[in-house]
Amino acid sequence: MRRGILVAAAAAAAACSAASIATEPNVAGLYSVSIVDGANPCQLPGWTERQTAPSVPLNFAQDPTNNANISAVVGGDAGAYVAALTGTTQMCGTIGGNQASLATGACADAGPTDAATRLDGCVFGVTATLTANFQSDTVQGTVTYGVKNPSGAGCSSLGACQSVQAFSGVILPADAGVIVPADSGSPDSPADASHPSG
């Protein structure tokens, strides 16, 4: 009898665990977002406060075996800018309810993320953390850049700086194809001239 109770309890726990895996919302898909540069205390290059990059492709994917695990890839010129700073366009993390938190360097297959930024006698790496809030077919959140491994006399002014961008946008239909910036006539036009790729 006791063994039967233990088996039943284990089965209930497994069912509860499976249910918790399945309760995260399905937010996967390609989103078109606008990104706005906020304050830039980290003095990141190619950054203009209050400038907007429109129609940025932001692609979210969820692990089919545990949809609490989420990844994102930033595309277009904005993605090239993120890669120039951090060494990658990919971020990984988790989602709980409608809130997700992801970071560069957190993906198991991320590879090297050793890009270096040089500024006035200071050399440092950059990490990016993305927080997202999903509601229906929309997403909004922030990308926060922080300095890692600063080296050089000019680094003292950076401290524990954080430069922040805000973004918001909508999911695109599955057959939407290439995102063309709103002020552009072709997919080859730059989405954000202030954020160079190199």
C-alpha atoms as a PDB file:
ATOM      1  CA  MET A   1       0.000   0.000   0.000  1.00  0.00           C
ATOM      2  CA  ARG A   2       2.800   2.400   0.947  1.00  0.00           C
ATOM      3  CA  ARG A   3       4.567   1.666  -2.356  1.00  0.00           C
ATOM      4  CA  GLY A   4       1.329   2.451  -4.213  1.00  0.00           C
ATOM      5  CA  ILE A   5       1.112   5.828  -2.443  1.00  0.00           C
ATOM      6  CA  LEU A   6       4.726   6.650  -3.314  1.00  0.00           C
ATOM      7  CA  VAL A   7       4.182   5.725  -6.970  1.00  0.00           C
ATOM      8  CA  ALA A   8       1.026   7.832  -7.101  1.00  0.00           C
ATOM      9  CA  ALA A   9       2.845  10.769  -5.486  1.00  0.00           C
ATOM     10  CA  ALA A  10       5.733  10.469  -7.956  1.00  0.00           C
ATOM     11  CA  ALA A  11       3.298  10.355 -10.871  1.00  0.00           C
ATOM     12  CA  ALA A  12       1.503  13.439  -9.552  1.00  0.00           C
ATOM     13  CA  ALA A  13       4.810  15.285  -9.166  1.00  0.00           C
ATOM     14  CA  ALA A  14       5.827  14.355 -12.723  1.00  0.00           C
ATOM     15  CA  ALA A  15       2.464  15.519 -14.042  1.00  0.00           C
ATOM     16  CA  CYS A  16       2.841  18.794 -12.151  1.00  0.00           C
ATOM     17  CA  SER A  17       6.367  19.254 -13.560  1.00  0.00           C
ATOM     18  CA  ALA A  18       5.168  18.581 -17.099  1.00  0.00           C
ATOM     19  CA  ALA A  19       2.300  21.017 -16.627  1.00  0.00           C
ATOM     20  CA  SER A  20       4.674  23.733 -15.438  1.00  0.00           C
ATOM     21  CA  ILE A  21       6.817  23.260 -18.562  1.00  0.00           C
ATOM     22  CA  ALA A  22       3.745  23.645 -20.761  1.00  0.00           C
ATOM     23  CA  THR A  23       2.346  26.743 -19.048  1.00  0.00           C
ATOM     24  CA  GLU A  24       4.765  29.282 -20.515  1.00  0.00           C
ATOM     25  CA  PRO A  25       3.153  31.209 -23.384  1.00  0.00           C
ATOM     26  CA  ASN A  26       4.242  30.597 -26.955  1.00  0.00           C
ATOM     27  CA  VAL A  27       5.879  33.891 -27.966  1.00  0.00           C
ATOM     28  CA  ALA A  28       8.204  32.500 -30.647  1.00  0.00           C
ATOM     29  CA  GLY A  29       8.304  34.315 -33.955  1.00  0.00           C
ATOM     30  CA  LEU A  30       9.782  37.180 -35.918  1.00  0.00           C
ATOM     31  CA  TYR A  31       9.003  40.617 -34.520  1.00  0.00           C
ATOM     32  CA  SER A  32       9.508  44.004 -36.134  1.00  0.00           C
ATOM     33  CA  VAL A  33      10.614  46.428 -33.429  1.00  0.00           C
ATOM     34  CA  SER A  34      11.741  50.018 -33.125  1.00  0.00           C
ATOM     35  CA  ILE A  35      14.797  50.597 -30.936  1.00  0.00           C
ATOM     36  CA  VAL A  36      15.433  53.946 -29.252  1.00  0.00           C
ATOM     37  CA  ASP A  37      18.836  54.902 -27.852  1.00  0.00           C
ATOM     38  CA  GLY A  38      18.628  56.099 -24.266  1.00  0.00           C
ATOM     39  CA  ALA A  39      21.382  57.521 -22.068  1.00  0.00           C
ATOM     40  CA  ASN A  40      24.903  56.279 -22.863  1.00  0.00           C
ATOM     41  CA  PRO A  41      27.088  56.501 -19.734  1.00  0.00           C
ATOM     42  CA  CYS A  42      29.263  53.652 -21.107  1.00  0.00           C
ATOM     43  CA  GLN A  43      30.201  55.968 -24.003  1.00  0.00           C
ATOM     44  CA  LEU A  44      29.504  53.258 -26.572  1.00  0.00           C
ATOM     45  CA  PRO A  45      30.432  54.341 -30.108  1.00  0.00           C
ATOM     46  CA  GLY A  46      27.812  55.003 -32.788  1.00  0.00           C
ATOM     47  CA  TRP A  47      25.140  55.900 -30.219  1.00  0.00           C
ATOM     48  CA  THR A  48      22.858  58.950 -30.446  1.00  0.00           C
ATOM     49  CA  GLU A  49      20.503  59.552 -27.545  1.00  0.00           C
ATOM     50  CA  ARG A  50      16.811  59.540 -28.561  1.00  0.00           C
ATOM     51  CA  GLN A  51      17.588  58.282 -32.074  1.00  0.00           C
ATOM     52  CA  THR A  52      15.263  55.524 -33.333  1.00  0.00           C
ATOM     53  CA  ALA A  53      16.133  52.521 -35.476  1.00  0.00           C
ATOM     54  CA  PRO A  54      12.840  51.373 -37.082  1.00  0.00           C
ATOM     55  CA  SER A  55      11.805  47.948 -38.384  1.00  0.00           C
ATOM     56  CA  VAL A  56      14.533  45.941 -36.646  1.00  0.00           C
ATOM     57  CA  PRO A  57      14.099  42.146 -37.020  1.00  0.00           C
ATOM     58  CA  LEU A  58      14.028  40.462 -33.593  1.00  0.00           C
ATOM     59  CA  ASN A  59      13.504  36.702 -33.794  1.00  0.00           C
ATOM     60  CA  PHE A  60      12.504  34.783 -30.654  1.00  0.00           C
ATOM     61  CA  ALA A  61      12.656  30.967 -30.438  1.00  0.00           C
ATOM     62  CA  GLN A  62      11.652  28.620 -27.608  1.00  0.00           C
ATOM     63  CA  ASP A  63      12.992  25.184 -26.729  1.00  0.00           C
ATOM     64  CA  PRO A  64      10.398  22.614 -27.887  1.00  0.00           C
ATOM     65  CA  THR A  65      11.143  20.350 -24.893  1.00  0.00           C
ATOM     66  CA  ASN A  66      11.050  23.159 -22.320  1.00  0.00           C
ATOM     67  CA  ASN A  67       9.476  26.345 -23.595  1.00  0.00           C
ATOM     68  CA  ALA A  68      10.689  28.277 -20.543  1.00  0.00           C
ATOM     69  CA  ASN A  69      14.058  28.387 -22.350  1.00  0.00           C
ATOM     70  CA  ILE A  70      14.089  31.205 -24.898  1.00  0.00           C
ATOM     71  CA  SER A  71      16.591  32.682 -27.318  1.00  0.00           C
ATOM     72  CA  ALA A  72      16.624  35.782 -29.502  1.00  0.00           C
ATOM     73  CA  VAL A  73      18.587  36.949 -32.533  1.00  0.00           C
ATOM     74  CA  VAL A  74      18.818  40.637 -33.439  1.00  0.00           C
ATOM     75  CA  GLY A  75      18.911  41.202 -37.197  1.00  0.00           C
ATOM     76  CA  GLY A  76      19.671  43.985 -39.639  1.00  0.00           C
ATOM     77  CA  ASP A  77      22.043  46.857 -38.938  1.00  0.00           C
ATOM     78  CA  ALA A  78      21.021  46.808 -35.274  1.00  0.00           C
ATOM     79  CA  GLY A  79      22.178  43.185 -35.074  1.00  0.00           C
ATOM     80  CA  ALA A  80      25.490  44.126 -36.687  1.00  0.00           C
ATOM     81  CA  TYR A  81      25.872  46.831 -34.040  1.00  0.00           C
ATOM     82  CA  VAL A  82      25.183  44.374 -31.211  1.00  0.00           C
ATOM     83  CA  ALA A  83      27.689  41.949 -32.730  1.00  0.00           C
ATOM     84  CA  ALA A  84      30.331  44.660 -33.070  1.00  0.00           C
ATOM     85  CA  LEU A  85      29.982  45.419 -29.348  1.00  0.00           C
ATOM     86  CA  THR A  86      29.463  41.946 -27.884  1.00  0.00           C
ATOM     87  CA  GLY A  87      30.739  39.487 -30.511  1.00  0.00           C
ATOM     88  CA  THR A  88      27.314  37.932 -31.163  1.00  0.00           C
ATOM     89  CA  THR A  89      23.756  38.710 -32.262  1.00  0.00           C
ATOM     90  CA  GLN A  90      22.283  35.891 -30.140  1.00  0.00           C
ATOM     91  CA  MET A  91      20.980  36.037 -26.576  1.00  0.00           C
ATOM     92  CA  CYS A  92      19.587  33.235 -24.416  1.00  0.00           C
ATOM     93  CA  GLY A  93      17.622  33.087 -21.194  1.00  0.00           C
ATOM     94  CA  THR A  94      14.288  32.139 -19.692  1.00  0.00           C
ATOM     95  CA  ILE A  95      10.677  33.241 -19.809  1.00  0.00           C
ATOM     96  CA  GLY A  96       8.208  33.128 -16.932  1.00  0.00           C
ATOM     97  CA  GLY A  97       4.653  34.179 -17.661  1.00  0.00           C
ATOM     98  CA  ASN A  98       4.918  37.087 -20.095  1.00  0.00           C
ATOM     99  CA  GLN A  99       8.361  38.250 -18.900  1.00  0.00           C
ATOM    100  CA  ALA A 100      11.666  37.136 -20.439  1.00  0.00           C
ATOM    101  CA  SER A 101      15.272  37.892 -19.582  1.00  0.00           C
ATOM    102  CA  LEU A 102      18.111  37.019 -21.985  1.00  0.00           C
ATOM    103  CA  ALA A 103      21.808  37.844 -22.260  1.00  0.00           C
ATOM    104  CA  THR A 104      24.710  37.574 -24.670  1.00  0.00           C
ATOM    105  CA  GLY A 105      27.149  34.843 -23.722  1.00  0.00           C
ATOM    106  CA  ALA A 106      24.376  32.787 -22.093  1.00  0.00           C
ATOM    107  CA  CYS A 107      23.801  30.397 -25.021  1.00  0.00           C
ATOM    108  CA  ALA A 108      25.368  26.945 -24.796  1.00  0.00           C
ATOM    109  CA  ASP A 109      26.590  27.180 -28.400  1.00  0.00           C
ATOM    110  CA  ALA A 110      27.397  30.897 -28.335  1.00  0.00           C
ATOM    111  CA  GLY A 111      31.049  30.534 -29.283  1.00  0.00           C
ATOM    112  CA  PRO A 112      33.513  33.323 -28.500  1.00  0.00           C
ATOM    113  CA  THR A 113      32.077  36.664 -27.433  1.00  0.00           C
ATOM    114  CA  ASP A 114      35.330  38.526 -27.132  1.00  0.00           C
ATOM    115  CA  ALA A 115      34.707  41.719 -29.080  1.00  0.00           C
ATOM    116  CA  ALA A 116      36.657  44.644 -27.643  1.00  0.00           C
ATOM    117  CA  THR A 117      35.692  48.307 -27.585  1.00  0.00           C
ATOM    118  CA  ARG A 118      38.457  50.900 -27.420  1.00  0.00           C
ATOM    119  CA  LEU A 119      37.815  54.371 -26.123  1.00  0.00           C
ATOM    120  CA  ASP A 120      40.291  57.020 -24.955  1.00  0.00           C
ATOM    121  CA  GLY A 121      42.936  54.668 -23.567  1.00  0.00           C
ATOM    122  CA  CYS A 122      40.409  52.131 -22.291  1.00  0.00           C
ATOM    123  CA  VAL A 123      39.757  48.664 -23.731  1.00  0.00           C
ATOM    124  CA  PHE A 124      36.695  46.746 -22.532  1.00  0.00           C
ATOM    125  CA  GLY A 125      34.230  44.065 -23.468  1.00  0.00           C
ATOM    126  CA  VAL A 126      30.474  44.626 -23.594  1.00  0.00           C
ATOM    127  CA  THR A 127      27.619  42.395 -22.453  1.00  0.00           C
ATOM    128  CA  ALA A 128      23.994  42.937 -23.462  1.00  0.00           C
ATOM    129  CA  THR A 129      20.948  41.925 -21.433  1.00  0.00           C
ATOM    130  CA  LEU A 130      17.499  41.963 -23.026  1.00  0.00           C
ATOM    131  CA  THR A 131      14.306  42.076 -20.992  1.00  0.00           C
ATOM    132  CA  ALA A 132      11.010  41.614 -22.811  1.00  0.00           C
ATOM    133  CA  ASN A 133       7.343  41.830 -21.897  1.00  0.00           C
ATOM    134  CA  PHE A 134       4.991  40.007 -24.276  1.00  0.00           C
ATOM    135  CA  GLN A 135       1.315  40.938 -24.553  1.00  0.00           C
ATOM    136  CA  SER A 136      -0.842  39.338 -27.242  1.00  0.00           C
ATOM    137  CA  ASP A 137       1.080  39.952 -30.503  1.00  0.00           C
ATOM    138  CA  THR A 138       3.277  42.751 -29.127  1.00  0.00           C
ATOM    139  CA  VAL A 139       6.590  42.964 -27.308  1.00  0.00           C
ATOM    140  CA  GLN A 140       8.329  45.770 -25.474  1.00  0.00           C
ATOM    141  CA  GLY A 141      11.387  45.976 -23.292  1.00  0.00           C
ATOM    142  CA  THR A 142      14.969  47.133 -22.971  1.00  0.00           C
ATOM    143  CA  VAL A 143      18.466  46.162 -24.036  1.00  0.00           C
ATOM    144  CA  THR A 144      21.019  47.071 -21.369  1.00  0.00           C
ATOM    145  CA  TYR A 145      24.732  47.166 -22.203  1.00  0.00           C
ATOM    146  CA  GLY A 146      27.359  46.841 -19.490  1.00  0.00           C
ATOM    147  CA  VAL A 147      31.155  46.911 -19.455  1.00  0.00           C
ATOM    148  CA  LYS A 148      33.252  43.833 -18.642  1.00  0.00           C
ATOM    149  CA  ASN A 149      37.002  43.400 -18.107  1.00  0.00           C
ATOM    150  CA  PRO A 150      37.995  47.080 -18.509  1.00  0.00           C
ATOM    151  CA  SER A 151      41.711  47.657 -18.979  1.00  0.00           C
ATOM    152  CA  GLY A 152      43.568  50.968 -19.179  1.00  0.00           C
ATOM    153  CA  ALA A 153      43.881  54.274 -17.408  1.00  0.00           C
ATOM    154  CA  GLY A 154      40.900  55.731 -19.264  1.00  0.00           C
ATOM    155  CA  CYS A 155      38.472  53.168 -17.814  1.00  0.00           C
ATOM    156  CA  SER A 156      38.017  54.839 -14.422  1.00  0.00           C
ATOM    157  CA  SER A 157      35.207  57.075 -15.698  1.00  0.00           C
ATOM    158  CA  LEU A 158      33.059  54.104 -16.775  1.00  0.00           C
ATOM    159  CA  GLY A 159      32.501  52.551 -13.355  1.00  0.00           C
ATOM    160  CA  ALA A 160      29.544  50.156 -13.362  1.00  0.00           C
ATOM    161  CA  CYS A 161      27.934  51.995 -16.261  1.00  0.00           C
ATOM    162  CA  GLN A 162      24.807  50.864 -18.093  1.00  0.00           C
ATOM    163  CA  SER A 163      23.713  52.167 -21.489  1.00  0.00           C
ATOM    164  CA  VAL A 164      20.077  51.366 -22.244  1.00  0.00           C
ATOM    165  CA  GLN A 165      17.934  51.106 -25.360  1.00  0.00           C
ATOM    166  CA  ALA A 166      14.144  50.741 -25.294  1.00  0.00           C
ATOM    167  CA  PHE A 167      12.272  48.733 -27.920  1.00  0.00           C
ATOM    168  CA  SER A 168       8.698  47.885 -28.860  1.00  0.00           C
ATOM    169  CA  GLY A 169       7.040  46.164 -31.771  1.00  0.00           C
ATOM    170  CA  VAL A 170       4.707  43.516 -33.142  1.00  0.00           C
ATOM    171  CA  ILE A 171       4.996  39.936 -34.329  1.00  0.00           C
ATOM    172  CA  LEU A 172       4.915  39.460 -38.082  1.00  0.00           C
ATOM    173  CA  PRO A 173       2.852  36.892 -39.992  1.00  0.00           C
ATOM    174  CA  ALA A 174       4.760  33.682 -40.721  1.00  0.00           C
ATOM    175  CA  ASP A 175       4.941  34.577 -44.432  1.00  0.00           C
ATOM    176  CA  ALA A 176       6.034  38.189 -43.894  1.00  0.00           C
ATOM    177  CA  GLY A 177       9.521  37.673 -45.372  1.00  0.00           C
ATOM    178  CA  VAL A 178      12.199  40.377 -45.250  1.00  0.00           C
ATOM    179  CA  ILE A 179      11.583  43.446 -43.088  1.00  0.00           C
ATOM    180  CA  VAL A 180      12.004  46.674 -45.051  1.00  0.00           C
ATOM    181  CA  PRO A 181      12.585  49.830 -42.969  1.00  0.00           C
ATOM    182  CA  ALA A 182       9.610  52.194 -43.075  1.00  0.00           C
ATOM    183  CA  ASP A 183      11.647  55.008 -44.647  1.00  0.00           C
ATOM    184  CA  SER A 184      13.353  52.788 -47.186  1.00  0.00           C
ATOM    185  CA  GLY A 185      12.564  51.511 -50.639  1.00  0.00           C
ATOM    186  CA  SER A 186      14.645  48.335 -50.570  1.00  0.00           C
ATOM    187  CA  PRO A 187      15.776  45.636 -48.132  1.00  0.00           C
ATOM    188  CA  ASP A 188      19.392  46.731 -48.676  1.00  0.00           C
ATOM    189  CA  SER A 189      18.877  50.199 -47.202  1.00  0.00           C
ATOM    190  CA  PRO A 190      20.379  50.660 -43.721  1.00  0.00           C
ATOM    191  CA  ALA A 191      17.873  50.565 -40.880  1.00  0.00           C
ATOM    192  CA  ASP A 192      20.071  52.621 -38.589  1.00  0.00           C
ATOM    193  CA  ALA A 193      22.945  54.606 -40.011  1.00  0.00           C
ATOM    194  CA  SER A 194      24.110  55.665 -36.553  1.00  0.00           C
ATOM    195  CA  HIS A 195      24.918  52.077 -35.586  1.00  0.00           C
ATOM    196  CA  PRO A 196      27.709  50.952 -37.928  1.00  0.00           C
ATOM    197  CA  SER A 197      28.633  47.307 -38.172  1.00  0.00           C
ATOM    198  CA  GLY A 198      32.302  47.775 -37.462  1.00  0.00           C
END
